[in-house]
Each structure stands twice: as C-alpha cells, then as structure tokens.
Amino acid sequence: MLSGPTLPPQRGGPPGTLVVLLHGLGADGNDLIGLAPMLARSLPDALFAAPDAPQPCDMAPYGRQWFSLQERRPETLLAGAATAEPLLQSYIDMLLERYGLDDSRLALIGFSQGTMMALHAAPRRARAAAAVVGFSGALIGAERLAAEARSAPPVLLIHGDRDEVVPVGALFDAVAGLQKAAIPVVWEIRRGLGHSIDPEGLELARQFLVSRLGRAA
C-alpha cells in the first residue's frame, strides 16, 4: 500500500474532500504536499494526501518513480503506467472508504510523471472524480483511452511553453486524446515557464478545484 505525507482539513474534524497530489520522477510526496496549505485556504474541509511513488528512482540516487522512464517507447510507458495504476487506485479507495467519501469529493493533482498517472488512473475509475489537474505532463496511451475510460472527470492542464523536460506539444496531444474519449478538458499555456509550477498556474488550479468542489463553509 502506498503511503506519504498528508495535511488534515484546515477547519478540523473529518474531511469532506480528498485531494491526492502525485509527484514527478525523482521526487516524493514531500515535493507536492507543500502546495496543500495554499489550496487549503479555499478547501478547508479537504484532506491533502501526497503518496510516495512505489519504486526507487532508477535515474537518480534519490527519490521515487511511478514507473521507469529510461525506455520511452509508447508501449513501455503504457505498461509502466498500467503496473502502477492498481497501487494508486487502492490508495485512493482506501482513503475514500476510511473517511466515508466517494469520487464526487475526489480531486487528483499531478506534476510531470504524476500528471501521467492522474490522466491514466482517473478516467479508469468507475465514477468520475470531481477534478483532475495536471501540470507539465502527458497522456500515455491516448489511442486506448476512449475504449478503456469508465468515467469522464473534468480536467485542467497547465504547461509552460519553455518546458525543457516535457515539451509543451505534449499538452496538445493530451487535449486531443482526452477530447477523443469525450473527457472535458480546459488548458492554459504559461508563457516563459519551464518545467515547474508558477503562482499563476497554482491560482488557476485553485479556481478550478473550487469550481468543481465548492468552497466549504
């Protein structure tokens, strides 16, 4: 079972919302849990959970990975995502069950490889998550998504046009693949931004989450 850092609801008491943050290659849950306090001000009933990916990173002496990126043939990437997916789904299911929540109160936020996992896992859940936000990522196996999707969660993609790790063209490929699968998607290109999350992008994510989950009292 996956595990990682969490931030409990700002208002106290049991959570009414679950936000799962999925880190990129060579990082761990601590890398993204730092976003939680900024988002929690607008989602005070949310539990933020940032699981560590299941594998040690094979491209660095530290950090974790959802799957290896040393071999980047499409079929290899798809196999890697498919192997990691059940672990992520079990983690999400465990937290939803623990707190008596369902997918209508679930949001996924990914960065880089974490976005790949969010876009792979969320549409394959039986019920649609409330929101999926992907920073600087890509859609793996776009040609199979329409046949394999079980739900259509609303998606926001944000990508820098100076991304030196995942070129911005991956955003357009992801949009096309999601639209082909009838998954609603909106997107924003951040001018001059590399492979990172900027304050403006985080604000767009906050607004998107609030629009889908509501601002809790």
Protein backbone atom coordinates (compact mmCIF):
# COMPACT_ATOMS: atom_id res chain seq x y z
CA MET A 1 0.00 0.00 0.00
CA LEU A 2 1.26 3.46 -0.86
CA SER A 3 1.88 5.99 1.88
CA GLY A 4 3.14 9.53 2.19
CA PRO A 5 2.67 12.88 3.88
CA THR A 6 -0.79 14.32 4.47
CA LEU A 7 -2.29 17.61 5.58
CA PRO A 8 -5.54 17.34 7.56
CA PRO A 9 -8.54 19.61 6.96
CA GLN A 10 -7.81 23.20 7.92
CA ARG A 11 -11.18 23.57 9.64
CA GLY A 12 -10.63 20.46 11.78
CA GLY A 13 -12.84 17.43 12.02
CA PRO A 14 -13.26 14.68 9.43
CA PRO A 15 -12.56 15.55 5.79
CA GLY A 16 -15.33 16.27 3.33
CA THR A 17 -12.97 16.28 0.35
CA LEU A 18 -9.91 14.26 -0.67
CA VAL A 19 -7.17 15.87 -2.79
CA VAL A 20 -4.43 13.47 -3.92
CA LEU A 21 -1.16 15.06 -5.09
CA LEU A 22 1.04 12.95 -7.38
CA HIS A 23 4.71 13.89 -7.63
CA GLY A 24 7.09 13.63 -10.55
CA LEU A 25 10.10 11.46 -11.30
CA GLY A 26 12.88 11.59 -8.72
CA ALA A 27 10.77 13.34 -6.08
CA ASP A 28 8.47 12.05 -3.34
CA GLY A 29 5.29 13.07 -1.58
CA ASN A 30 7.05 15.85 0.28
CA ASP A 31 7.65 17.60 -3.04
CA LEU A 32 3.96 18.39 -3.61
CA ILE A 33 2.47 18.43 -0.13
CA GLY A 34 3.90 21.96 0.06
CA LEU A 35 1.12 23.07 -2.30
CA ALA A 36 -1.54 21.95 0.15
CA PRO A 37 -1.52 24.93 2.57
CA MET A 38 -2.10 27.35 -0.31
CA LEU A 39 -5.04 25.33 -1.61
CA ALA A 40 -6.43 24.54 1.83
CA ARG A 41 -7.47 28.15 2.40
CA SER A 42 -10.13 27.65 -0.27
CA LEU A 43 -10.83 23.99 0.53
CA PRO A 44 -10.82 23.97 4.34
CA ASP A 45 -12.61 20.61 4.53
CA ALA A 46 -10.02 18.84 2.35
CA LEU A 47 -7.58 16.16 3.36
CA PHE A 48 -4.48 16.51 1.18
CA ALA A 49 -2.54 13.30 0.62
CA ALA A 50 0.73 13.01 -1.32
CA PRO A 51 1.76 9.37 -1.68
CA ASP A 52 5.32 8.36 -2.41
CA ALA A 53 5.55 6.53 -5.74
CA PRO A 54 6.12 2.77 -5.43
CA GLN A 55 9.62 2.45 -6.92
CA PRO A 56 13.03 3.94 -6.13
CA CYS A 57 14.07 6.25 -8.96
CA ASP A 58 16.35 4.40 -11.39
CA MET A 59 17.75 7.61 -12.89
CA ALA A 60 18.99 9.23 -9.67
CA PRO A 61 20.39 8.12 -6.31
CA TYR A 62 17.34 9.53 -4.51
CA GLY A 63 13.61 9.99 -4.94
CA ARG A 64 10.85 7.75 -6.25
CA GLN A 65 9.19 6.94 -9.56
CA TRP A 66 5.79 5.66 -10.60
CA PHE A 67 7.49 3.68 -13.35
CA SER A 68 10.78 3.77 -15.23
CA LEU A 69 11.35 6.39 -17.92
CA GLN A 70 14.66 5.00 -19.11
CA GLU A 71 12.89 3.35 -22.05
CA ARG A 72 10.34 5.70 -23.57
CA ARG A 73 8.69 3.65 -26.28
CA PRO A 74 4.92 4.21 -26.08
CA GLU A 75 4.17 0.58 -25.28
CA THR A 76 6.76 0.55 -22.48
CA LEU A 77 5.35 3.72 -20.92
CA LEU A 78 1.83 2.34 -21.11
CA ALA A 79 2.91 -0.91 -19.45
CA GLY A 80 4.61 1.08 -16.67
CA ALA A 81 1.55 3.22 -16.00
CA ALA A 82 -0.70 0.15 -16.07
CA THR A 83 1.51 -1.57 -13.48
CA ALA A 84 1.46 1.42 -11.11
CA GLU A 85 -2.25 2.15 -11.55
CA PRO A 86 -3.69 -0.57 -9.25
CA LEU A 87 -1.48 0.65 -6.39
CA LEU A 88 -2.72 4.21 -6.85
CA GLN A 89 -6.35 3.12 -7.18
CA SER A 90 -6.09 1.04 -4.00
CA TYR A 91 -4.62 4.01 -2.13
CA ILE A 92 -7.43 6.30 -3.29
CA ASP A 93 -10.08 3.70 -2.48
CA MET A 94 -8.62 3.18 0.98
CA LEU A 95 -8.79 6.87 1.84
CA LEU A 96 -12.27 7.34 0.39
CA GLU A 97 -13.56 4.38 2.36
CA ARG A 98 -11.80 5.45 5.55
CA TYR A 99 -13.50 8.84 5.52
CA GLY A 100 -16.84 7.86 4.04
CA LEU A 101 -16.32 9.81 0.80
CA ASP A 102 -16.99 9.00 -2.84
CA ASP A 103 -15.46 10.12 -6.11
CA SER A 104 -17.65 13.21 -6.26
CA ARG A 105 -15.42 14.57 -3.46
CA LEU A 106 -12.12 13.47 -5.02
CA ALA A 107 -9.57 15.56 -6.89
CA LEU A 108 -6.23 14.50 -8.34
CA ILE A 109 -3.35 16.91 -8.91
CA GLY A 110 -0.25 15.73 -10.76
CA PHE A 111 3.08 17.17 -11.77
CA SER A 112 5.11 15.71 -14.67
CA GLN A 113 5.04 11.91 -14.24
CA GLY A 114 2.37 12.44 -11.59
CA THR A 115 0.21 14.03 -14.29
CA MET A 116 0.76 10.95 -16.45
CA MET A 117 -0.57 8.83 -13.59
CA ALA A 118 -3.50 11.14 -12.87
CA LEU A 119 -4.59 11.14 -16.52
CA HIS A 120 -4.18 7.38 -16.71
CA ALA A 121 -5.93 6.47 -13.46
CA ALA A 122 -8.79 8.95 -13.14
CA PRO A 123 -10.74 8.04 -16.32
CA ARG A 124 -10.43 4.35 -15.44
CA ARG A 125 -12.33 4.79 -12.17
CA ALA A 126 -15.93 3.65 -12.25
CA ARG A 127 -17.20 7.03 -11.05
CA ALA A 128 -15.88 10.38 -12.20
CA ALA A 129 -13.63 12.31 -9.87
CA ALA A 130 -14.67 15.91 -9.28
CA ALA A 131 -11.50 17.31 -10.84
CA VAL A 132 -8.13 16.41 -12.31
CA VAL A 133 -5.35 19.00 -12.57
CA GLY A 134 -2.18 18.21 -14.49
CA PHE A 135 0.96 20.33 -14.54
CA SER A 136 3.73 19.78 -17.11
CA GLY A 137 2.69 16.25 -18.01
CA ALA A 138 1.48 13.99 -20.79
CA LEU A 139 -1.25 11.50 -21.63
CA ILE A 140 0.06 7.96 -22.05
CA GLY A 141 -1.77 5.55 -24.35
CA ALA A 142 -4.07 8.18 -25.81
CA GLU A 143 -5.13 5.81 -28.58
CA ARG A 144 -6.56 3.37 -26.00
CA LEU A 145 -8.26 5.82 -23.68
CA ALA A 146 -11.61 6.04 -25.46
CA ALA A 147 -12.00 2.25 -25.27
CA GLU A 148 -10.80 1.92 -21.67
CA ALA A 149 -12.29 5.02 -19.98
CA ARG A 150 -15.04 4.25 -17.48
CA SER A 151 -15.74 7.85 -16.47
CA ALA A 152 -15.14 11.39 -17.70
CA PRO A 153 -13.70 13.60 -14.95
CA PRO A 154 -13.19 17.28 -15.84
CA VAL A 155 -9.53 18.03 -16.50
CA LEU A 156 -7.39 21.17 -16.33
CA LEU A 157 -3.94 21.01 -17.94
CA ILE A 158 -1.27 23.66 -17.35
CA HIS A 159 2.06 23.66 -19.16
CA GLY A 160 4.97 26.04 -19.63
CA ASP A 161 5.94 26.90 -23.20
CA ARG A 162 9.63 26.71 -22.21
CA ASP A 163 9.36 23.25 -20.64
CA GLU A 164 12.70 21.58 -21.28
CA VAL A 165 11.69 18.18 -19.84
CA VAL A 166 8.19 17.56 -21.24
CA PRO A 167 7.78 19.75 -24.33
CA VAL A 168 4.60 21.79 -24.50
CA GLY A 169 3.47 19.76 -27.51
CA ALA A 170 2.55 17.01 -25.04
CA LEU A 171 -0.26 19.26 -23.82
CA PHE A 172 -1.86 19.41 -27.26
CA ASP A 173 -1.54 15.64 -27.68
CA ALA A 174 -3.18 15.15 -24.28
CA VAL A 175 -6.02 17.51 -25.12
CA ALA A 176 -6.69 15.64 -28.37
CA GLY A 177 -6.66 12.28 -26.63
CA LEU A 178 -8.96 13.41 -23.85
CA GLN A 179 -11.39 15.02 -26.26
CA LYS A 180 -11.49 11.86 -28.36
CA ALA A 181 -12.53 9.99 -25.22
CA ALA A 182 -15.24 12.61 -24.51
CA ILE A 183 -13.46 13.80 -21.37
CA PRO A 184 -13.95 17.54 -20.77
CA VAL A 185 -10.65 19.40 -20.73
CA VAL A 186 -9.50 23.00 -20.49
CA TRP A 187 -5.91 24.14 -20.64
CA GLU A 188 -3.52 27.01 -20.10
CA ILE A 189 -0.06 27.61 -21.55
CA ARG A 190 2.19 29.61 -19.24
CA ARG A 191 4.47 31.89 -21.26
CA GLY A 192 8.15 31.75 -20.39
CA LEU A 193 7.70 28.93 -17.87
CA GLY A 194 9.91 25.85 -17.77
CA HIS A 195 9.24 22.52 -16.10
CA SER A 196 7.67 23.85 -12.94
CA ILE A 197 4.55 25.24 -11.29
CA ASP A 198 4.27 29.02 -11.09
CA PRO A 199 1.97 31.06 -8.81
CA GLU A 200 -0.37 31.91 -11.67
CA GLY A 201 -0.76 28.25 -12.59
CA LEU A 202 -1.42 27.32 -8.99
CA GLU A 203 -4.09 30.01 -8.81
CA LEU A 204 -5.77 28.56 -11.92
CA ALA A 205 -5.72 25.17 -10.23
CA ARG A 206 -7.24 26.61 -7.07
CA GLN A 207 -10.06 28.24 -9.02
CA PHE A 208 -10.72 25.01 -10.93
CA LEU A 209 -10.88 22.94 -7.75
CA VAL A 210 -13.22 25.40 -6.07
CA SER A 211 -15.47 25.44 -9.14
CA ARG A 212 -15.74 21.66 -9.04
CA LEU A 213 -15.74 21.02 -5.30
CA GLY A 214 -17.17 24.24 -3.89
CA ARG A 215 -15.76 26.40 -1.14
CA ALA A 216 -16.58 24.67 2.11
CA ALA A 217 -18.02 26.71 4.93
